[in-house]
Amino acid sequence: MMERSKKSSGKKKKSAPDVRATADITEKEARMAAELFGKPEDQVLFGNQDEAWVVDTLGAGKDDASPGGTQSSGRKRPRAAAPKAAWVDEDDEAIESVDLTATNRLRKLRESRAVVEVSASDFEERLRSRFLATQAEEHSEWAKLPEALSGADGDDDEARARLQSTASLTRTGGRMGPGQIDMIRCKDANAAEPSRSVVRSVAFHPKGEILLTAGLDKTLRFFSIDGTKNAKVDGVFFKDLPISSAAWTGGGDKVVLSGRRPFFYMYDALAGKATKVPGLAGRGDKSLEKLVASPGEGGLLAVTLKDGWVGLVDARTSRLAAELKMNGTARSLCFSDSSAKFLLASGGDADVYTFDLRGLGSIGGGGACPCVSKWGNEGGTPTCGLAMAPTGQLAVAAESGVVNMYSVGGGGLIEDSLAHKEAAGGPARVPWKRAMNLTTGCEALKFSHDGQVLAMASRFGKNALRMMHVGSGTVFSNWPTSKSPLGYVFSLDFSPNSGYFAAGNDKGKVLLYRLKHYSGL
């Protein structure tokens, strides 16, 4: 009996090292898994808050070893103390309350006018909620899981519906509904250095996040737009030019600037060099105040001249390429699309002219640019603004404040212009929508990149800015509100994907808003 007991005891001692070795290996795996996937304490809780238990999904660890040296998987054990959050600052406990009326940036955190002071914890929660509502989607793009692999029925149906639709394949936000628009105010685009005068021009770079601002303080400024810092990138002072118009040209490599002077400037944004162009050869115009640049990679500039003339300038050579004639004064211009095949012009006679620019051939070729269409804008009052959408919608603003919407066709207006060629004094077209929300002339008109939203503003009325849902022809009712600090809006623009909207006013500020319907910049 004694020998059998000793042999049995010897067997136990022989098997003990194997159990400990297994425990050591499993413990290492448990520590590694805890670093990769979180500690066991952070797993699913069971029980009430006072006595919480957790299922050890790893099934390992010193605490789980039985007295006999064996492991038990799925064992319940008391929850350990949660690790301290990295963002907790002990100094915050010394702050008793925060005054939300101390600065203008904190006022947006108030839920009502009666709220003046809040506790430190409440202030932190309001800041976190504000971030989640405005910036969380942009700064957490990298953490999103990839979409499911294609091949599911739902994906096939969505792809089939997209291909059968006439909607743009590059649209990021889908179809927008009428009624209300989700607009969130961000830090002013030029908060790093506001203008010292009226902001007459704002324009986003066609390929990036850079925004240019220019005004009567003779300074051109560039800002990097991210919605939070909006840091200033560069600034250039032109001592002899109060700037009235500024636009990107040449695909975003250059900026053209003009004003009430007989000359204009070409600024090379890459080289940081400004070139003064003394004027247009053969003409004695004293003002080049209104100037527009063709979108895309085109290199054409159109500028209003005296006595109803419109000049076409080659942006590469800064020379006059062609001259176009209207019966009345020229007040507003816009190109049909990125190919710059047509130019639309209007002014004092309330007629809309369509000039065919395909006769130029190569830019600066000196070919003919005939007027292929002329029709009167409904209302008969002088025109002060034009804007063309990529969907073929044309917005015509009159000095009376009425903005008429016309469907003139897409693709550069080629077939539409030739099919509806009308003689002088012919019948006017009938707009499908008449927006009468403003009572003064809308000189600032801009469509979003997909043509779903039209922004229209008048510098003659305070807070005179409206957003129209183009599909239904209705103005969004929830924005701007009576508390929107717009002032007198002189200029506006959408970012390349319409994620941001900028508006320059008479106080030298460029207000920046986030359109939640669109993702990205």
Protein backbone atom coordinates (compact mmCIF):
# COMPACT_ATOMS: atom_id res chain seq x y z
CA MET A 1 0.00 0.00 0.00
CA MET A 2 2.87 2.35 0.86
CA GLU A 3 4.62 1.63 -2.44
CA ARG A 4 1.43 2.21 -4.45
CA SER A 5 0.94 5.55 -2.65
CA LYS A 6 4.50 6.62 -3.40
CA LYS A 7 4.14 5.68 -7.06
CA SER A 8 0.91 7.63 -7.28
CA SER A 9 2.55 10.60 -5.64
CA GLY A 10 5.42 10.36 -8.06
CA LYS A 11 3.05 10.45 -11.02
CA LYS A 12 1.47 13.67 -9.74
CA LYS A 13 4.87 15.32 -9.36
CA LYS A 14 5.79 14.23 -12.87
CA SER A 15 2.66 15.74 -14.46
CA ALA A 16 2.83 19.06 -12.56
CA PRO A 17 5.47 20.69 -14.81
CA ASP A 18 3.31 20.09 -17.89
CA VAL A 19 0.32 21.86 -16.29
CA ARG A 20 2.42 24.84 -15.25
CA ALA A 21 3.95 25.04 -18.69
CA THR A 22 0.50 25.02 -20.22
CA ALA A 23 -0.60 27.72 -17.79
CA ASP A 24 2.44 29.85 -18.62
CA ILE A 25 1.82 29.58 -22.36
CA THR A 26 -1.86 30.33 -21.98
CA GLU A 27 -1.09 33.31 -19.73
CA LYS A 28 1.23 34.80 -22.37
CA GLU A 29 -1.45 34.37 -24.99
CA ALA A 30 -3.95 36.00 -22.66
CA ARG A 31 -1.72 39.04 -22.14
CA MET A 32 -1.18 39.39 -25.87
CA ALA A 33 -4.89 39.07 -26.57
CA ALA A 34 -5.61 41.64 -23.87
CA GLU A 35 -3.31 44.14 -25.59
CA LEU A 36 -4.87 43.54 -29.00
CA PHE A 37 -8.54 43.14 -28.13
CA GLY A 38 -8.87 44.73 -24.69
CA LYS A 39 -8.66 43.39 -21.18
CA PRO A 40 -11.10 40.74 -19.92
CA GLU A 41 -12.54 43.33 -17.55
CA ASP A 42 -13.88 45.19 -20.59
CA GLN A 43 -15.97 42.25 -21.80
CA VAL A 44 -19.72 41.77 -21.53
CA LEU A 45 -21.09 42.46 -18.06
CA PHE A 46 -23.65 40.40 -16.21
CA GLY A 47 -25.46 41.26 -12.99
CA ASN A 48 -26.29 44.61 -11.46
CA GLN A 49 -24.08 47.64 -11.15
CA ASP A 50 -23.17 46.95 -7.50
CA GLU A 51 -22.04 43.37 -8.10
CA ALA A 52 -20.88 43.07 -11.70
CA TRP A 53 -19.54 39.88 -13.19
CA VAL A 54 -17.77 39.29 -16.45
CA VAL A 55 -17.34 36.21 -18.62
CA ASP A 56 -13.68 35.50 -19.18
CA THR A 57 -13.80 34.84 -22.89
CA LEU A 58 -10.07 34.26 -23.00
CA GLY A 59 -10.31 31.38 -20.48
CA ALA A 60 -6.87 32.01 -19.02
CA GLY A 61 -5.04 33.85 -16.28
CA LYS A 62 -3.77 33.28 -12.79
CA ASP A 63 -7.05 34.14 -11.17
CA ASP A 64 -8.82 31.45 -13.14
CA ALA A 65 -6.54 28.57 -12.19
CA SER A 66 -8.15 26.02 -9.96
CA PRO A 67 -6.31 24.72 -6.86
CA GLY A 68 -5.40 21.65 -8.84
CA GLY A 69 -3.65 23.72 -11.48
CA THR A 70 -6.31 23.31 -14.19
CA GLN A 71 -7.93 26.08 -16.28
CA SER A 72 -11.67 26.78 -16.51
CA SER A 73 -13.08 28.51 -19.59
CA GLY A 74 -16.06 30.86 -19.33
CA ARG A 75 -15.74 31.25 -15.55
CA LYS A 76 -17.46 34.23 -13.85
CA ARG A 77 -15.31 36.47 -11.72
CA PRO A 78 -15.70 39.93 -10.13
CA ARG A 79 -15.11 42.89 -12.44
CA ALA A 80 -11.80 44.66 -11.85
CA ALA A 81 -11.55 48.44 -11.52
CA ALA A 82 -11.91 50.13 -14.90
CA PRO A 83 -8.75 51.82 -16.20
CA LYS A 84 -8.60 55.59 -15.93
CA ALA A 85 -9.61 57.37 -19.14
CA ALA A 86 -6.74 59.13 -20.88
CA TRP A 87 -8.66 62.38 -21.35
CA VAL A 88 -9.58 62.93 -17.70
CA ASP A 89 -7.75 65.95 -16.31
CA GLU A 90 -7.69 66.34 -12.55
CA ASP A 91 -7.36 70.11 -12.90
CA ASP A 92 -10.84 70.24 -14.43
CA GLU A 93 -12.32 69.50 -11.02
CA ALA A 94 -11.13 72.93 -9.83
CA ILE A 95 -13.39 74.63 -12.41
CA GLU A 96 -16.77 75.25 -10.87
CA SER A 97 -18.64 76.78 -13.83
CA VAL A 98 -18.15 78.15 -17.34
CA ASP A 99 -19.78 81.34 -18.66
CA LEU A 100 -21.22 80.58 -22.12
CA THR A 101 -21.76 84.27 -22.85
CA ALA A 102 -18.12 85.23 -22.36
CA THR A 103 -17.21 84.78 -26.04
CA ASN A 104 -19.22 84.53 -29.25
CA ARG A 105 -17.87 81.03 -29.98
CA LEU A 106 -19.38 79.66 -26.77
CA ARG A 107 -22.84 81.10 -27.38
CA LYS A 108 -23.63 78.34 -29.86
CA LEU A 109 -23.43 75.83 -27.00
CA ARG A 110 -26.45 77.37 -25.29
CA GLU A 111 -29.76 75.60 -25.67
CA SER A 112 -31.71 78.76 -24.81
CA ARG A 113 -31.08 82.40 -23.96
CA ALA A 114 -31.74 81.68 -20.28
CA VAL A 115 -28.63 79.50 -20.05
CA VAL A 116 -25.65 81.59 -18.93
CA GLU A 117 -23.39 79.37 -16.82
CA VAL A 118 -22.95 75.60 -16.81
CA SER A 119 -20.86 73.22 -14.77
CA ALA A 120 -17.51 71.95 -16.00
CA SER A 121 -18.87 68.46 -16.68
CA ASP A 122 -21.86 69.86 -18.54
CA PHE A 123 -19.56 72.10 -20.58
CA GLU A 124 -17.42 69.11 -21.55
CA GLU A 125 -20.50 67.16 -22.62
CA ARG A 126 -21.72 70.08 -24.75
CA LEU A 127 -18.36 70.35 -26.47
CA ARG A 128 -18.32 66.62 -27.16
CA SER A 129 -21.85 66.74 -28.61
CA ARG A 130 -20.89 69.69 -30.77
CA PHE A 131 -17.88 67.82 -32.14
CA LEU A 132 -19.91 64.69 -32.89
CA ALA A 133 -22.48 66.78 -34.75
CA THR A 134 -20.00 68.74 -36.86
CA GLN A 135 -16.59 67.13 -37.24
CA ALA A 136 -16.75 63.53 -36.07
CA GLU A 137 -17.68 62.15 -39.48
CA GLU A 138 -14.73 63.79 -41.22
CA HIS A 139 -12.06 62.96 -38.65
CA SER A 140 -13.18 59.34 -38.20
CA GLU A 141 -13.27 58.31 -41.87
CA TRP A 142 -10.16 56.16 -41.36
CA ALA A 143 -11.87 54.11 -38.62
CA LYS A 144 -14.87 53.06 -40.66
CA LEU A 145 -15.07 49.42 -41.72
CA PRO A 146 -15.00 48.72 -45.46
CA GLU A 147 -18.32 48.13 -47.10
CA ALA A 148 -19.56 44.61 -47.69
CA LEU A 149 -18.27 42.87 -50.77
CA SER A 150 -20.36 43.39 -53.87
CA GLY A 151 -22.59 40.58 -54.98
CA ALA A 152 -25.37 40.83 -52.43
CA ASP A 153 -28.84 41.37 -53.78
CA GLY A 154 -29.12 44.78 -52.14
CA ASP A 155 -25.87 45.98 -53.71
CA ASP A 156 -26.92 44.73 -57.14
CA ASP A 157 -30.25 46.51 -56.87
CA GLU A 158 -28.62 49.75 -55.81
CA ALA A 159 -26.04 49.60 -58.59
CA ARG A 160 -28.72 48.79 -61.16
CA ALA A 161 -30.86 51.70 -59.97
CA ARG A 162 -27.88 54.06 -60.16
CA LEU A 163 -27.04 52.99 -63.73
CA GLN A 164 -30.65 53.35 -64.83
CA SER A 165 -30.85 56.88 -63.39
CA THR A 166 -29.80 60.10 -65.10
CA ALA A 167 -28.27 61.36 -61.84
CA SER A 168 -24.54 62.05 -61.68
CA LEU A 169 -22.42 59.03 -60.73
CA THR A 170 -20.07 61.32 -58.78
CA ARG A 171 -22.77 62.56 -56.42
CA THR A 172 -21.74 61.81 -52.87
CA GLY A 173 -24.83 62.74 -50.91
CA GLY A 174 -27.58 61.23 -53.05
CA ARG A 175 -30.81 63.01 -53.75
CA MET A 176 -31.64 65.85 -51.40
CA GLY A 177 -35.18 66.37 -50.17
CA PRO A 178 -36.98 69.74 -50.04
CA GLY A 179 -38.19 71.58 -46.96
CA GLN A 180 -35.17 71.82 -44.66
CA ILE A 181 -31.42 71.79 -45.10
CA ASP A 182 -28.92 70.64 -42.47
CA MET A 183 -26.50 73.56 -42.10
CA ILE A 184 -23.97 73.82 -39.25
CA ARG A 185 -21.90 76.91 -38.72
CA CYS A 186 -18.15 76.42 -38.43
CA LYS A 187 -15.34 78.76 -37.50
CA ASP A 188 -15.14 81.70 -39.91
CA ALA A 189 -13.03 80.83 -42.93
CA ASN A 190 -10.86 83.94 -42.52
CA ALA A 191 -10.89 84.05 -38.71
CA ALA A 192 -7.07 83.86 -38.76
CA GLU A 193 -6.99 87.21 -40.58
CA PRO A 194 -10.29 88.93 -41.39
CA SER A 195 -10.47 91.42 -44.21
CA ARG A 196 -10.30 95.10 -43.41
CA SER A 197 -13.06 95.91 -45.89
CA VAL A 198 -15.90 94.33 -47.83
CA VAL A 199 -15.14 90.82 -49.08
CA ARG A 200 -15.97 91.08 -52.78
CA SER A 201 -14.76 87.61 -53.84
CA VAL A 202 -14.54 84.15 -52.28
CA ALA A 203 -13.60 81.07 -54.30
CA PHE A 204 -12.65 77.51 -53.39
CA HIS A 205 -9.79 75.89 -55.26
CA PRO A 206 -11.25 73.49 -57.86
CA LYS A 207 -9.11 70.57 -56.65
CA GLY A 208 -8.42 71.16 -52.97
CA GLU A 209 -9.29 72.72 -49.66
CA ILE A 210 -7.76 76.17 -50.31
CA LEU A 211 -10.12 79.15 -50.22
CA LEU A 212 -9.19 82.57 -51.60
CA THR A 213 -10.68 85.83 -50.35
CA ALA A 214 -10.26 89.28 -51.83
CA GLY A 215 -11.79 92.71 -51.34
CA LEU A 216 -11.40 96.44 -51.40
CA ASP A 217 -8.53 96.32 -48.89
CA LYS A 218 -6.33 95.37 -51.87
CA THR A 219 -5.29 92.06 -50.30
CA LEU A 220 -5.57 88.53 -51.66
CA ARG A 221 -5.58 85.87 -48.92
CA PHE A 222 -5.47 82.07 -48.98
CA PHE A 223 -6.84 79.82 -46.22
CA SER A 224 -6.70 76.07 -45.66
CA ILE A 225 -10.28 75.03 -44.86
CA ASP A 226 -10.83 72.20 -42.38
CA GLY A 227 -13.78 73.60 -40.41
CA THR A 228 -11.83 73.95 -37.15
CA LYS A 229 -8.58 75.89 -37.55
CA ASN A 230 -8.89 77.33 -41.09
CA ALA A 231 -5.27 78.40 -41.01
CA LYS A 232 -4.00 81.19 -43.23
CA VAL A 233 -1.66 79.98 -45.96
CA ASP A 234 -0.55 83.16 -47.71
CA GLY A 235 -1.46 86.77 -48.41
CA VAL A 236 -0.54 89.23 -51.16
CA PHE A 237 -1.04 93.02 -51.11
CA PHE A 238 -1.69 94.90 -54.37
CA LYS A 239 -1.09 98.57 -53.62
CA ASP A 240 -2.84 99.95 -56.71
CA LEU A 241 -5.85 97.60 -57.08
CA PRO A 242 -8.95 97.53 -54.87
CA ILE A 243 -10.08 94.03 -55.84
CA SER A 244 -13.64 93.56 -57.12
CA SER A 245 -13.26 90.16 -58.84
CA ALA A 246 -10.93 87.24 -58.14
CA ALA A 247 -11.10 83.77 -59.66
CA TRP A 248 -9.00 80.64 -60.10
CA THR A 249 -7.92 79.89 -63.65
CA GLY A 250 -5.73 77.42 -65.47
CA GLY A 251 -7.00 74.50 -63.40
CA GLY A 252 -6.19 76.28 -60.13
CA ASP A 253 -2.57 77.22 -60.84
CA LYS A 254 -3.25 80.94 -61.24
CA VAL A 255 -5.57 83.63 -59.88
CA VAL A 256 -6.86 86.54 -61.94
CA LEU A 257 -7.77 89.77 -60.13
CA SER A 258 -9.53 92.87 -61.44
CA GLY A 259 -11.34 95.97 -60.24
CA ARG A 260 -12.31 99.47 -61.25
CA ARG A 261 -8.99 100.00 -62.98
CA PRO A 262 -7.89 99.77 -66.62
CA PHE A 263 -5.50 96.92 -65.77
CA PHE A 264 -5.63 93.56 -64.00
CA TYR A 265 -3.24 91.11 -62.32
CA MET A 266 -2.34 87.48 -62.93
CA TYR A 267 -1.01 85.79 -59.79
CA ASP A 268 0.89 82.50 -60.13
CA ALA A 269 -0.09 80.58 -56.98
CA LEU A 270 2.67 78.00 -57.47
CA ALA A 271 5.54 80.42 -58.02
CA GLY A 272 4.12 83.17 -55.79
CA LYS A 273 4.61 85.78 -58.51
CA ALA A 274 2.20 88.56 -59.55
CA THR A 275 2.16 89.94 -63.08
CA LYS A 276 0.46 93.23 -63.94
CA VAL A 277 -1.35 93.30 -67.28
CA PRO A 278 -1.62 96.94 -68.44
CA GLY A 279 -5.00 96.44 -70.15
CA LEU A 280 -6.68 95.08 -73.24
CA ALA A 281 -4.89 96.04 -76.44
CA GLY A 282 -6.92 98.31 -78.71
CA ARG A 283 -9.46 99.31 -76.06
CA GLY A 284 -9.68 102.26 -73.73
CA ASP A 285 -11.84 100.79 -70.97
CA LYS A 286 -11.23 102.36 -67.56
CA SER A 287 -12.85 99.58 -65.55
CA LEU A 288 -12.59 95.79 -65.63
CA GLU A 289 -14.75 95.35 -62.54
CA LYS A 290 -16.70 92.20 -63.44
CA LEU A 291 -14.63 89.26 -64.62
CA VAL A 292 -15.34 85.52 -64.69
CA ALA A 293 -13.09 82.56 -65.53
CA SER A 294 -14.08 79.41 -67.37
CA PRO A 295 -14.28 76.37 -65.06
CA GLY A 296 -12.18 73.27 -65.42
CA GLU A 297 -8.89 73.29 -67.29
CA GLY A 298 -10.05 75.99 -69.70
CA GLY A 299 -8.05 79.18 -70.00
CA LEU A 300 -10.68 81.72 -71.01
CA LEU A 301 -11.60 84.89 -69.14
CA ALA A 302 -14.70 86.96 -69.84
CA VAL A 303 -14.93 90.59 -68.70
CA THR A 304 -17.66 93.22 -69.04
CA LEU A 305 -16.59 96.30 -71.00
CA LYS A 306 -18.26 99.62 -71.79
CA ASP A 307 -21.03 100.18 -74.36
CA GLY A 308 -22.30 96.59 -74.24
CA TRP A 309 -19.03 94.92 -75.19
CA VAL A 310 -17.73 91.69 -73.65
CA GLY A 311 -14.05 90.81 -73.91
CA LEU A 312 -12.64 87.28 -74.09
CA VAL A 313 -9.09 87.00 -72.78
CA ASP A 314 -6.64 84.13 -73.13
CA ALA A 315 -5.49 83.48 -69.56
CA ARG A 316 -2.19 81.99 -70.75
CA THR A 317 -1.10 85.01 -72.76
CA SER A 318 -3.31 87.68 -71.10
CA ARG A 319 -4.24 88.94 -74.57
CA LEU A 320 -7.64 89.81 -75.99
CA ALA A 321 -8.93 86.83 -77.98
CA ALA A 322 -12.34 88.11 -79.15
CA GLU A 323 -14.91 90.86 -78.58
CA LEU A 324 -18.65 90.21 -78.27
CA LYS A 325 -21.40 92.83 -78.64
CA MET A 326 -24.71 93.23 -76.82
CA ASN A 327 -27.41 95.80 -77.44
CA GLY A 328 -27.59 96.92 -73.81
CA THR A 329 -24.97 97.31 -71.11
CA ALA A 330 -23.13 94.14 -70.06
CA ARG A 331 -23.67 93.39 -66.36
CA SER A 332 -23.52 89.62 -65.82
CA LEU A 333 -21.65 86.71 -67.42
CA CYS A 334 -21.34 82.93 -67.01
CA PHE A 335 -19.90 80.03 -68.97
CA SER A 336 -22.13 77.12 -69.94
CA ASP A 337 -19.91 74.31 -68.61
CA SER A 338 -16.31 73.27 -68.02
CA SER A 339 -15.66 72.95 -71.76
CA ALA A 340 -16.41 76.68 -72.20
CA LYS A 341 -18.22 76.13 -75.49
CA PHE A 342 -20.80 78.83 -74.82
CA LEU A 343 -20.90 82.11 -72.94
CA LEU A 344 -24.13 83.57 -71.57
CA ALA A 345 -24.39 87.32 -71.04
CA SER A 346 -27.11 89.73 -69.98
CA GLY A 347 -27.53 93.26 -68.72
CA GLY A 348 -29.43 96.49 -69.14
CA ASP A 349 -31.80 95.34 -71.89
CA ALA A 350 -32.98 92.28 -69.87
CA ASP A 351 -32.10 89.97 -72.78
CA VAL A 352 -30.04 86.82 -72.37
CA TYR A 353 -27.44 86.29 -75.10
CA THR A 354 -25.77 82.97 -75.93
CA PHE A 355 -22.44 83.22 -77.77
CA ASP A 356 -20.91 80.19 -79.48
CA LEU A 357 -17.22 80.07 -78.58
CA ARG A 358 -16.37 77.00 -80.64
CA GLY A 359 -15.33 79.26 -83.49
CA LEU A 360 -12.28 80.33 -81.53
CA GLY A 361 -10.65 76.99 -82.28
CA SER A 362 -7.50 77.13 -80.22
CA ILE A 363 -7.66 79.80 -77.58
CA GLY A 364 -6.55 83.10 -79.02
CA GLY A 365 -7.15 81.90 -82.58
CA GLY A 366 -9.21 84.98 -83.42
CA GLY A 367 -12.18 83.08 -84.85
CA ALA A 368 -15.78 84.32 -84.89
CA CYS A 369 -18.05 83.92 -81.84
CA PRO A 370 -21.59 84.43 -83.17
CA CYS A 371 -24.66 85.04 -81.04
CA VAL A 372 -26.72 81.89 -81.56
CA SER A 373 -29.58 82.77 -79.22
CA LYS A 374 -31.22 85.85 -77.75
CA TRP A 375 -34.36 85.92 -75.63
CA GLY A 376 -35.88 88.24 -73.08
CA ASN A 377 -35.97 87.47 -69.38
CA GLU A 378 -39.49 87.56 -67.98
CA GLY A 379 -40.19 90.76 -66.08
CA GLY A 380 -38.24 93.09 -68.31
CA THR A 381 -36.12 94.64 -65.56
CA PRO A 382 -32.33 94.78 -66.06
CA THR A 383 -30.45 91.60 -65.28
CA CYS A 384 -27.78 91.59 -62.57
CA GLY A 385 -26.87 87.90 -62.13
CA LEU A 386 -26.48 84.64 -64.07
CA ALA A 387 -25.62 81.10 -62.97
CA MET A 388 -25.54 77.81 -64.87
CA ALA A 389 -25.97 74.38 -63.26
CA PRO A 390 -24.39 71.19 -64.63
CA THR A 391 -27.92 69.78 -64.97
CA GLY A 392 -28.88 72.39 -67.58
CA GLN A 393 -30.75 74.79 -65.26
CA LEU A 394 -30.16 78.51 -65.77
CA ALA A 395 -30.81 81.07 -63.02
CA VAL A 396 -31.40 84.66 -64.14
CA ALA A 397 -31.61 87.37 -61.47
CA ALA A 398 -33.18 90.75 -62.08
CA GLU A 399 -32.72 94.03 -60.23
CA SER A 400 -36.25 93.64 -58.87
CA GLY A 401 -35.05 90.69 -56.76
CA VAL A 402 -36.85 88.03 -58.80
CA VAL A 403 -34.77 84.99 -59.79
CA ASN A 404 -36.19 83.09 -62.78
CA MET A 405 -35.30 79.46 -63.43
CA TYR A 406 -35.10 78.16 -67.01
CA SER A 407 -34.45 74.66 -68.35
CA VAL A 408 -32.12 75.27 -71.25
CA GLY A 409 -30.65 71.77 -71.63
CA GLY A 410 -27.32 70.28 -70.66
CA GLY A 411 -24.13 69.42 -72.44
CA GLY A 412 -23.10 72.96 -73.28
CA LEU A 413 -26.40 74.19 -74.76
CA ILE A 414 -25.37 73.18 -78.29
CA GLU A 415 -28.59 71.65 -79.58
CA ASP A 416 -30.79 73.88 -77.42
CA SER A 417 -29.20 77.14 -78.54
CA LEU A 418 -29.34 76.29 -82.24
CA ALA A 419 -32.88 74.87 -82.09
CA HIS A 420 -34.29 77.93 -80.31
CA LYS A 421 -32.44 80.62 -82.23
CA GLU A 422 -34.66 83.69 -82.11
CA ALA A 423 -34.58 87.01 -83.91
CA ALA A 424 -34.37 90.31 -82.06
CA GLY A 425 -37.67 91.10 -80.40
CA GLY A 426 -38.81 87.49 -80.57
CA PRO A 427 -40.96 85.80 -77.92
CA ALA A 428 -39.42 85.40 -74.49
CA ARG A 429 -39.06 82.03 -72.84
CA VAL A 430 -41.26 81.17 -69.89
CA PRO A 431 -39.45 80.25 -66.65
CA TRP A 432 -40.58 77.14 -64.82
CA LYS A 433 -39.94 78.84 -61.48
CA ARG A 434 -40.05 82.44 -60.25
CA ALA A 435 -38.30 82.91 -56.89
CA MET A 436 -39.60 86.07 -55.23
CA ASN A 437 -38.05 85.64 -51.81
CA LEU A 438 -35.79 88.68 -52.14
CA THR A 439 -36.69 92.26 -53.00
CA THR A 440 -33.35 93.62 -54.21
CA GLY A 441 -31.06 92.58 -57.03
CA CYS A 442 -29.21 89.27 -56.55
CA GLU A 443 -25.74 89.73 -57.94
CA ALA A 444 -24.38 86.61 -56.20
CA LEU A 445 -25.71 83.33 -57.59
CA LYS A 446 -24.09 79.91 -57.24
CA PHE A 447 -25.19 76.29 -57.80
CA SER A 448 -23.85 73.35 -55.82
CA HIS A 449 -21.61 70.95 -57.70
CA ASP A 450 -24.54 68.60 -58.49
CA GLY A 451 -27.08 71.35 -59.20
CA GLN A 452 -29.40 70.42 -56.31
CA VAL A 453 -28.97 73.67 -54.36
CA LEU A 454 -28.95 77.28 -55.55
CA ALA A 455 -27.56 79.99 -53.28
CA MET A 456 -28.72 83.52 -54.07
CA ALA A 457 -27.80 86.70 -52.22
CA SER A 458 -28.23 90.45 -52.54
CA ARG A 459 -25.72 92.93 -51.17
CA PHE A 460 -28.41 95.60 -50.95
CA GLY A 461 -30.34 93.98 -48.09
CA LYS A 462 -29.23 92.77 -44.68
CA ASN A 463 -29.33 88.98 -44.29
CA ALA A 464 -30.65 88.80 -47.87
CA LEU A 465 -29.51 85.25 -48.64
CA ARG A 466 -31.63 82.25 -49.52
CA MET A 467 -31.04 78.60 -50.41
CA MET A 468 -33.30 76.98 -53.01
CA HIS A 469 -33.98 73.29 -53.52
CA VAL A 470 -33.75 73.17 -57.30
CA GLY A 471 -35.66 69.93 -57.76
CA SER A 472 -38.85 71.30 -56.21
CA GLY A 473 -38.21 75.00 -56.80
CA THR A 474 -38.80 75.81 -53.12
CA VAL A 475 -36.64 77.73 -50.67
CA PHE A 476 -35.41 75.92 -47.56
CA SER A 477 -37.44 77.16 -44.61
CA ASN A 478 -35.05 76.49 -41.73
CA TRP A 479 -32.01 78.43 -42.92
CA PRO A 480 -30.96 81.17 -42.69
CA THR A 481 -32.66 82.01 -39.41
CA SER A 482 -33.21 85.39 -37.79
CA LYS A 483 -30.10 84.73 -35.69
CA SER A 484 -27.79 83.96 -38.63
CA PRO A 485 -25.15 86.75 -38.60
CA LEU A 486 -24.95 87.11 -42.37
CA GLY A 487 -24.93 90.89 -42.66
CA TYR A 488 -24.77 92.24 -46.21
CA VAL A 489 -23.54 89.36 -48.37
CA PHE A 490 -21.34 90.35 -51.31
CA SER A 491 -19.90 87.01 -52.40
CA LEU A 492 -20.48 83.28 -51.93
CA ASP A 493 -19.21 79.92 -53.12
CA PHE A 494 -19.52 76.14 -52.61
CA SER A 495 -16.54 73.83 -52.07
CA PRO A 496 -15.73 71.33 -54.88
CA ASN A 497 -18.07 68.66 -53.44
CA SER A 498 -20.42 71.17 -51.76
CA GLY A 499 -19.39 70.02 -48.29
CA TYR A 500 -18.80 73.64 -47.28
CA PHE A 501 -20.50 76.92 -48.10
CA ALA A 502 -18.71 80.28 -47.72
CA ALA A 503 -20.24 83.77 -47.73
CA GLY A 504 -18.29 87.05 -47.57
CA ASN A 505 -19.99 90.08 -46.06
CA ASP A 506 -19.54 93.80 -45.50
CA LYS A 507 -17.79 93.32 -42.14
CA GLY A 508 -14.78 91.62 -43.68
CA LYS A 509 -15.81 88.17 -42.48
CA VAL A 510 -16.21 85.00 -44.50
CA LEU A 511 -18.85 82.87 -42.79
CA LEU A 512 -18.36 79.14 -43.19
CA TYR A 513 -21.11 76.52 -42.99
CA ARG A 514 -21.07 72.73 -43.21
CA LEU A 515 -23.67 71.02 -45.41
CA LYS A 516 -24.27 67.67 -43.71
CA HIS A 517 -25.95 66.21 -46.79
CA TYR A 518 -22.61 66.10 -48.60
CA SER A 519 -19.57 64.16 -47.43
CA GLY A 520 -16.00 65.34 -47.78
CA LEU A 521 -14.94 68.77 -48.94
